[in-house]
C-alpha cells in the first residue's frame, strides 16, 4: 500500500511543492513547527532511511541541502536544522526546519497554522529561489 508521501508524489493528494527533480520531492509540512518547515522525500518509497541505497541516500541529502539553502533565502533564521525521525510516515523523509534556537526544532510544541494562501505564497517564494 502506497504511503501518503507516495500519493503526494503521484498527485493523488495535493501538496505545497517547493522543489522536485527525477528522484526527490520537497514540500511544505502542513503541520509546521516553524514557518518554512519543509519535508524532503525520495520518490522511491523506502520506509527506513538507513535502508536506502548509498547513492540515493547521498542524493537525498544533497537535494535537502539545496532545499535548505532556498528556505534560508526566504525565511529569516539563524540556521536550518535537519531532523530524521521516521516514525510517523513509513516513507523516509528529512525535515528541513528554519531555526533560531535549539528549541525551535522541538516536535512536541504546538504546530503553526497558515491559510492555504499563505502556504501557496511561501511555497512559491521558496520554489523561485531553489537552485
N, C-alpha and C. Protein backbone atom coordinates (compact mmCIF):
# COMPACT_ATOMS: atom_id res chain seq x y z
N UNK A 1 0.84 -1.18 0.00
CA UNK A 1 0.00 0.00 0.00
C UNK A 1 0.89 1.25 0.00
N UNK A 2 0.57 2.18 -0.87
CA UNK A 2 1.38 3.39 -1.02
C UNK A 2 1.25 4.29 0.22
N UNK A 3 2.36 4.89 0.60
CA UNK A 3 2.33 5.83 1.73
C UNK A 3 1.67 7.14 1.29
N UNK A 4 1.32 7.95 2.27
CA UNK A 4 0.74 9.26 1.97
C UNK A 4 1.72 10.09 1.13
N UNK A 5 3.02 9.93 1.35
CA UNK A 5 4.01 10.67 0.58
C UNK A 5 4.05 10.21 -0.87
N UNK A 6 3.91 8.91 -1.10
CA UNK A 6 3.85 8.41 -2.47
C UNK A 6 2.61 8.96 -3.16
N UNK A 7 1.52 9.04 -2.45
CA UNK A 7 0.29 9.60 -3.03
C UNK A 7 0.47 11.09 -3.35
N UNK A 8 1.25 11.79 -2.56
CA UNK A 8 1.56 13.20 -2.85
C UNK A 8 2.40 13.28 -4.12
N UNK A 9 3.43 12.47 -4.23
CA UNK A 9 4.28 12.46 -5.41
C UNK A 9 3.46 12.17 -6.67
N UNK A 10 2.52 11.24 -6.56
CA UNK A 10 1.70 10.84 -7.70
C UNK A 10 0.57 11.82 -8.00
N UNK A 11 0.42 12.86 -7.17
CA UNK A 11 -0.60 13.86 -7.39
C UNK A 11 -1.99 13.47 -6.91
N UNK A 12 -2.08 12.37 -6.17
CA UNK A 12 -3.37 11.93 -5.63
C UNK A 12 -3.80 12.78 -4.43
N UNK A 13 -2.81 13.34 -3.74
CA UNK A 13 -3.05 14.22 -2.60
C UNK A 13 -2.29 15.51 -2.89
N UNK A 14 -2.94 16.67 -2.72
CA UNK A 14 -2.25 17.93 -3.02
C UNK A 14 -1.15 18.24 -2.00
N UNK A 15 -0.19 19.04 -2.44
CA UNK A 15 0.88 19.49 -1.56
C UNK A 15 1.32 20.87 -1.99
N UNK A 16 2.10 21.51 -1.12
CA UNK A 16 2.69 22.81 -1.42
C UNK A 16 4.14 22.55 -1.82
N UNK A 17 4.33 22.16 -3.07
CA UNK A 17 5.65 21.77 -3.58
C UNK A 17 6.59 22.97 -3.63
N UNK A 18 7.83 22.74 -3.19
CA UNK A 18 8.86 23.77 -3.28
C UNK A 18 9.99 23.36 -4.23
N UNK A 19 10.17 22.06 -4.47
CA UNK A 19 11.23 21.60 -5.36
C UNK A 19 10.99 20.16 -5.75
N UNK A 20 11.51 19.82 -6.94
CA UNK A 20 11.37 18.46 -7.43
C UNK A 20 12.41 18.20 -8.50
N UNK A 21 12.91 16.97 -8.54
CA UNK A 21 13.70 16.51 -9.67
C UNK A 21 13.27 15.08 -9.96
N UNK A 22 14.04 14.35 -10.73
CA UNK A 22 13.63 12.99 -11.11
C UNK A 22 13.53 12.03 -9.92
N UNK A 23 14.29 12.30 -8.87
CA UNK A 23 14.39 11.34 -7.77
C UNK A 23 13.85 11.81 -6.42
N UNK A 24 13.67 13.13 -6.26
CA UNK A 24 13.32 13.68 -4.95
C UNK A 24 12.22 14.73 -5.07
N UNK A 25 11.53 14.95 -3.97
CA UNK A 25 10.40 15.88 -3.95
C UNK A 25 10.42 16.59 -2.60
N UNK A 26 10.18 17.90 -2.61
CA UNK A 26 10.17 18.68 -1.36
C UNK A 26 8.89 19.51 -1.32
N UNK A 27 8.27 19.53 -0.15
CA UNK A 27 7.01 20.26 0.02
C UNK A 27 6.89 20.75 1.45
N UNK A 28 6.08 21.80 1.62
CA UNK A 28 5.89 22.35 2.96
C UNK A 28 5.14 21.37 3.84
N UNK A 29 5.57 21.26 5.08
CA UNK A 29 4.86 20.46 6.08
C UNK A 29 3.57 21.21 6.41
N UNK A 30 2.42 20.54 6.34
CA UNK A 30 1.15 21.23 6.62
C UNK A 30 0.88 21.36 8.12
N UNK A 31 1.75 20.78 8.93
CA UNK A 31 1.69 20.94 10.39
C UNK A 31 3.07 21.41 10.86
N UNK A 32 3.49 22.60 10.43
CA UNK A 32 4.87 23.03 10.68
C UNK A 32 5.14 23.42 12.12
N UNK A 33 6.40 23.20 12.53
CA UNK A 33 6.82 23.67 13.85
C UNK A 33 7.46 25.05 13.74
N UNK A 34 7.88 25.44 12.55
CA UNK A 34 8.35 26.80 12.27
C UNK A 34 7.90 27.16 10.86
N UNK A 35 7.84 28.44 10.58
CA UNK A 35 7.50 28.87 9.23
C UNK A 35 8.60 28.41 8.28
N UNK A 36 8.21 27.77 7.19
CA UNK A 36 9.17 27.27 6.22
C UNK A 36 9.56 25.81 6.42
N UNK A 37 9.02 25.17 7.45
CA UNK A 37 9.29 23.75 7.73
C UNK A 37 8.91 22.94 6.48
N UNK A 38 9.89 22.26 5.93
CA UNK A 38 9.73 21.56 4.66
C UNK A 38 10.12 20.10 4.81
N UNK A 39 9.43 19.23 4.08
CA UNK A 39 9.76 17.81 4.06
C UNK A 39 10.42 17.48 2.73
N UNK A 40 11.48 16.69 2.78
CA UNK A 40 12.18 16.26 1.58
C UNK A 40 12.12 14.73 1.56
N UNK A 41 11.65 14.20 0.43
CA UNK A 41 11.45 12.75 0.34
C UNK A 41 12.04 12.19 -0.95
N UNK A 42 12.48 10.94 -0.90
CA UNK A 42 12.84 10.28 -2.15
C UNK A 42 11.56 9.84 -2.85
N UNK A 43 11.56 9.86 -4.16
CA UNK A 43 10.37 9.40 -4.89
C UNK A 43 10.21 7.90 -4.79
N UNK A 44 11.33 7.20 -4.66
CA UNK A 44 11.27 5.75 -4.47
C UNK A 44 10.94 5.50 -3.00
N UNK A 45 9.81 4.88 -2.77
CA UNK A 45 9.33 4.67 -1.39
C UNK A 45 10.19 3.63 -0.67
N UNK A 46 10.80 4.07 0.42
CA UNK A 46 11.55 3.21 1.33
C UNK A 46 11.17 3.65 2.73
N UNK A 47 10.79 2.71 3.57
CA UNK A 47 10.31 3.04 4.91
C UNK A 47 11.40 3.65 5.78
N UNK A 48 12.52 3.01 5.89
CA UNK A 48 13.56 3.38 6.84
C UNK A 48 14.73 4.03 6.10
N UNK A 49 15.11 5.21 6.52
CA UNK A 49 16.12 5.98 5.80
C UNK A 49 17.44 5.23 5.64
N UNK A 50 17.79 4.39 6.61
CA UNK A 50 19.06 3.68 6.53
C UNK A 50 18.97 2.41 5.68
N UNK A 51 17.79 2.16 5.09
CA UNK A 51 17.64 1.09 4.11
C UNK A 51 17.78 1.61 2.68
N UNK A 52 17.91 2.91 2.51
CA UNK A 52 18.07 3.50 1.18
C UNK A 52 19.47 3.17 0.67
N UNK A 53 19.57 2.83 -0.61
CA UNK A 53 20.87 2.56 -1.22
C UNK A 53 21.77 3.79 -1.08
N UNK A 54 23.05 3.56 -0.95
CA UNK A 54 24.01 4.63 -0.68
C UNK A 54 23.91 5.80 -1.63
N UNK A 55 23.82 5.54 -2.93
CA UNK A 55 23.77 6.64 -3.90
C UNK A 55 22.50 7.47 -3.72
N UNK A 56 21.38 6.80 -3.46
CA UNK A 56 20.12 7.51 -3.25
C UNK A 56 20.12 8.27 -1.92
N UNK A 57 20.76 7.68 -0.92
CA UNK A 57 20.89 8.32 0.39
C UNK A 57 21.69 9.62 0.25
N UNK A 58 22.81 9.53 -0.44
CA UNK A 58 23.63 10.72 -0.68
C UNK A 58 22.86 11.75 -1.49
N UNK A 59 22.16 11.30 -2.52
CA UNK A 59 21.36 12.19 -3.34
C UNK A 59 20.28 12.90 -2.55
N UNK A 60 19.64 12.17 -1.62
CA UNK A 60 18.60 12.76 -0.78
C UNK A 60 19.16 13.89 0.08
N UNK A 61 20.32 13.68 0.66
CA UNK A 61 20.92 14.72 1.49
C UNK A 61 21.42 15.90 0.66
N UNK A 62 21.95 15.63 -0.52
CA UNK A 62 22.38 16.74 -1.38
C UNK A 62 21.18 17.56 -1.86
N UNK A 63 20.08 16.89 -2.19
CA UNK A 63 18.87 17.60 -2.58
C UNK A 63 18.33 18.40 -1.39
N UNK A 64 18.37 17.82 -0.20
CA UNK A 64 17.93 18.51 1.02
C UNK A 64 18.76 19.76 1.27
N UNK A 65 20.05 19.69 0.97
CA UNK A 65 20.92 20.84 1.13
C UNK A 65 20.47 21.98 0.22
N UNK A 66 20.14 21.66 -1.01
CA UNK A 66 19.67 22.68 -1.96
C UNK A 66 18.34 23.28 -1.48
N UNK A 67 17.46 22.44 -0.98
CA UNK A 67 16.19 22.92 -0.44
C UNK A 67 16.45 23.82 0.76
N UNK A 68 17.33 23.41 1.65
CA UNK A 68 17.65 24.20 2.84
C UNK A 68 18.18 25.58 2.46
N UNK A 69 19.04 25.63 1.46
CA UNK A 69 19.59 26.92 1.01
C UNK A 69 18.48 27.82 0.47
N UNK A 70 17.50 27.24 -0.22
CA UNK A 70 16.37 28.02 -0.73
C UNK A 70 15.49 28.52 0.42
N UNK A 71 15.20 27.65 1.37
CA UNK A 71 14.39 28.04 2.53
C UNK A 71 15.09 29.17 3.28
N UNK A 72 16.38 29.05 3.44
CA UNK A 72 17.18 30.04 4.17
C UNK A 72 17.15 31.42 3.50
N UNK A 73 17.00 31.45 2.19
CA UNK A 73 16.91 32.72 1.47
C UNK A 73 15.56 33.40 1.67
N UNK A 74 14.54 32.62 2.01
CA UNK A 74 13.18 33.15 2.13
C UNK A 74 12.81 33.43 3.58
N UNK A 75 13.25 32.59 4.48
CA UNK A 75 12.89 32.70 5.90
C UNK A 75 14.04 33.32 6.68
N UNK A 76 13.74 34.34 7.46
CA UNK A 76 14.74 34.96 8.32
C UNK A 76 15.01 34.02 9.50
N UNK A 77 16.18 33.39 9.49
CA UNK A 77 16.51 32.44 10.55
C UNK A 77 18.02 32.41 10.75
N UNK A 78 18.42 31.91 11.90
CA UNK A 78 19.85 31.78 12.22
C UNK A 78 20.49 30.66 11.41
N UNK A 79 19.78 29.54 11.31
CA UNK A 79 20.27 28.36 10.59
C UNK A 79 19.10 27.52 10.12
N UNK A 80 19.44 26.47 9.39
CA UNK A 80 18.46 25.45 9.03
C UNK A 80 18.87 24.18 9.77
N UNK A 81 17.91 23.63 10.49
CA UNK A 81 18.15 22.36 11.18
C UNK A 81 17.54 21.23 10.37
N UNK A 82 18.11 20.05 10.51
CA UNK A 82 17.58 18.86 9.86
C UNK A 82 17.21 17.84 10.92
N UNK A 83 16.15 17.11 10.64
CA UNK A 83 15.75 16.05 11.55
C UNK A 83 15.22 14.88 10.74
N UNK A 84 15.60 13.69 11.16
CA UNK A 84 15.07 12.47 10.57
C UNK A 84 14.49 11.66 11.72
N UNK A 85 13.17 11.52 11.72
CA UNK A 85 12.52 10.77 12.77
C UNK A 85 12.08 9.41 12.25
N UNK A 86 11.27 9.42 11.20
CA UNK A 86 10.91 8.18 10.53
C UNK A 86 9.88 7.31 11.21
N UNK A 87 9.13 7.86 12.15
CA UNK A 87 8.13 7.05 12.82
C UNK A 87 6.70 7.34 12.36
N UNK A 88 6.45 8.57 11.95
CA UNK A 88 5.08 8.98 11.68
C UNK A 88 4.55 8.57 10.30
N UNK A 89 5.41 8.44 9.31
CA UNK A 89 5.02 8.03 7.96
C UNK A 89 6.03 6.98 7.49
N UNK A 90 5.56 5.83 6.98
CA UNK A 90 6.50 4.79 6.55
C UNK A 90 7.11 5.08 5.18
N UNK A 91 7.73 6.23 5.08
CA UNK A 91 8.40 6.66 3.84
C UNK A 91 9.51 7.61 4.31
N UNK A 92 10.75 7.24 4.07
CA UNK A 92 11.88 8.03 4.55
C UNK A 92 11.72 9.49 4.17
N UNK A 93 12.04 10.37 5.11
CA UNK A 93 11.94 11.80 4.84
C UNK A 93 12.83 12.59 5.81
N UNK A 94 13.20 13.77 5.33
CA UNK A 94 14.02 14.68 6.11
C UNK A 94 13.22 15.95 6.37
N UNK A 95 13.20 16.37 7.63
CA UNK A 95 12.59 17.65 7.99
C UNK A 95 13.65 18.73 7.84
N UNK A 96 13.36 19.74 7.05
CA UNK A 96 14.21 20.92 6.88
C UNK A 96 13.51 22.03 7.66
N UNK A 97 14.14 22.49 8.76
CA UNK A 97 13.45 23.37 9.69
C UNK A 97 14.27 24.64 9.96
N UNK A 98 13.72 25.80 9.60
CA UNK A 98 14.39 27.06 9.96
C UNK A 98 14.42 27.20 11.48
N UNK A 99 15.59 27.54 12.03
CA UNK A 99 15.72 27.65 13.49
C UNK A 99 16.52 28.89 13.87
N UNK A 100 16.20 29.37 15.07
CA UNK A 100 16.97 30.44 15.70
C UNK A 100 17.54 29.99 17.04
N UNK A 101 16.95 28.95 17.61
CA UNK A 101 17.45 28.34 18.85
C UNK A 101 17.28 26.83 18.72
N UNK A 102 17.92 26.08 19.60
CA UNK A 102 17.77 24.63 19.58
C UNK A 102 16.34 24.21 19.90
N UNK A 103 15.59 25.07 20.56
CA UNK A 103 14.22 24.75 20.95
C UNK A 103 13.24 24.87 19.79
N UNK A 104 13.66 25.47 18.69
CA UNK A 104 12.78 25.62 17.54
C UNK A 104 12.51 24.30 16.82
N UNK A 105 13.32 23.31 17.07
CA UNK A 105 13.15 22.03 16.39
C UNK A 105 12.52 20.98 17.31
N UNK A 106 11.73 21.46 18.26
CA UNK A 106 11.01 20.61 19.21
C UNK A 106 9.66 20.22 18.60
N UNK A 107 9.52 18.96 18.23
CA UNK A 107 8.31 18.49 17.57
C UNK A 107 7.11 18.34 18.52
N UNK A 108 7.33 18.50 19.81
CA UNK A 108 6.22 18.40 20.76
C UNK A 108 5.50 19.73 20.96
N UNK A 109 6.08 20.82 20.47
CA UNK A 109 5.44 22.12 20.65
C UNK A 109 4.24 22.26 19.71
N UNK A 110 3.34 23.17 20.02
CA UNK A 110 2.15 23.35 19.16
C UNK A 110 2.55 23.69 17.72
N UNK A 111 1.80 23.11 16.79
CA UNK A 111 2.07 23.34 15.37
C UNK A 111 1.50 24.70 14.97
N UNK A 112 2.16 25.33 14.01
CA UNK A 112 1.70 26.61 13.49
C UNK A 112 0.57 26.39 12.50
N UNK A 113 -0.24 27.40 12.31
CA UNK A 113 -1.35 27.31 11.36
C UNK A 113 -1.20 28.44 10.34
N UNK A 114 -1.37 28.07 9.08
CA UNK A 114 -1.33 29.03 7.99
C UNK A 114 -2.52 28.77 7.08
N UNK A 115 -2.96 29.79 6.38
CA UNK A 115 -4.04 29.62 5.42
C UNK A 115 -3.48 28.96 4.15
N UNK A 116 -4.35 28.37 3.34
CA UNK A 116 -3.85 27.83 2.07
C UNK A 116 -3.13 28.88 1.24
N UNK A 117 -3.61 30.10 1.26
CA UNK A 117 -2.97 31.18 0.51
C UNK A 117 -1.57 31.47 1.05
N UNK A 118 -1.41 31.44 2.36
CA UNK A 118 -0.09 31.67 2.96
C UNK A 118 0.88 30.54 2.60
N UNK A 119 0.38 29.30 2.63
CA UNK A 119 1.21 28.16 2.23
C UNK A 119 1.61 28.30 0.76
N UNK A 120 0.66 28.63 -0.11
CA UNK A 120 0.94 28.77 -1.54
C UNK A 120 1.99 29.83 -1.80
N UNK A 121 1.85 30.98 -1.14
CA UNK A 121 2.81 32.07 -1.32
C UNK A 121 4.20 31.64 -0.86
N UNK A 122 4.29 31.02 0.31
CA UNK A 122 5.58 30.58 0.83
C UNK A 122 6.21 29.52 -0.08
N UNK A 123 5.42 28.57 -0.52
CA UNK A 123 5.94 27.53 -1.43
C UNK A 123 6.47 28.16 -2.70
N UNK A 124 5.75 29.12 -3.25
CA UNK A 124 6.17 29.78 -4.48
C UNK A 124 7.47 30.56 -4.26
N UNK A 125 7.57 31.25 -3.11
CA UNK A 125 8.78 32.02 -2.80
C UNK A 125 10.00 31.11 -2.70
N UNK A 126 9.85 29.97 -2.05
CA UNK A 126 10.97 29.03 -1.91
C UNK A 126 11.30 28.42 -3.27
N UNK A 127 10.28 28.02 -4.01
CA UNK A 127 10.50 27.43 -5.33
C UNK A 127 11.22 28.41 -6.26
N UNK A 128 10.90 29.68 -6.15
CA UNK A 128 11.51 30.68 -7.02
C UNK A 128 13.02 30.84 -6.79
N UNK A 129 13.49 30.55 -5.58
CA UNK A 129 14.93 30.71 -5.30
C UNK A 129 15.66 29.37 -5.26
N UNK A 130 14.94 28.28 -5.43
CA UNK A 130 15.56 26.94 -5.45
C UNK A 130 16.50 26.84 -6.65
N UNK A 131 17.71 26.40 -6.41
CA UNK A 131 18.71 26.26 -7.49
C UNK A 131 19.06 24.82 -7.73
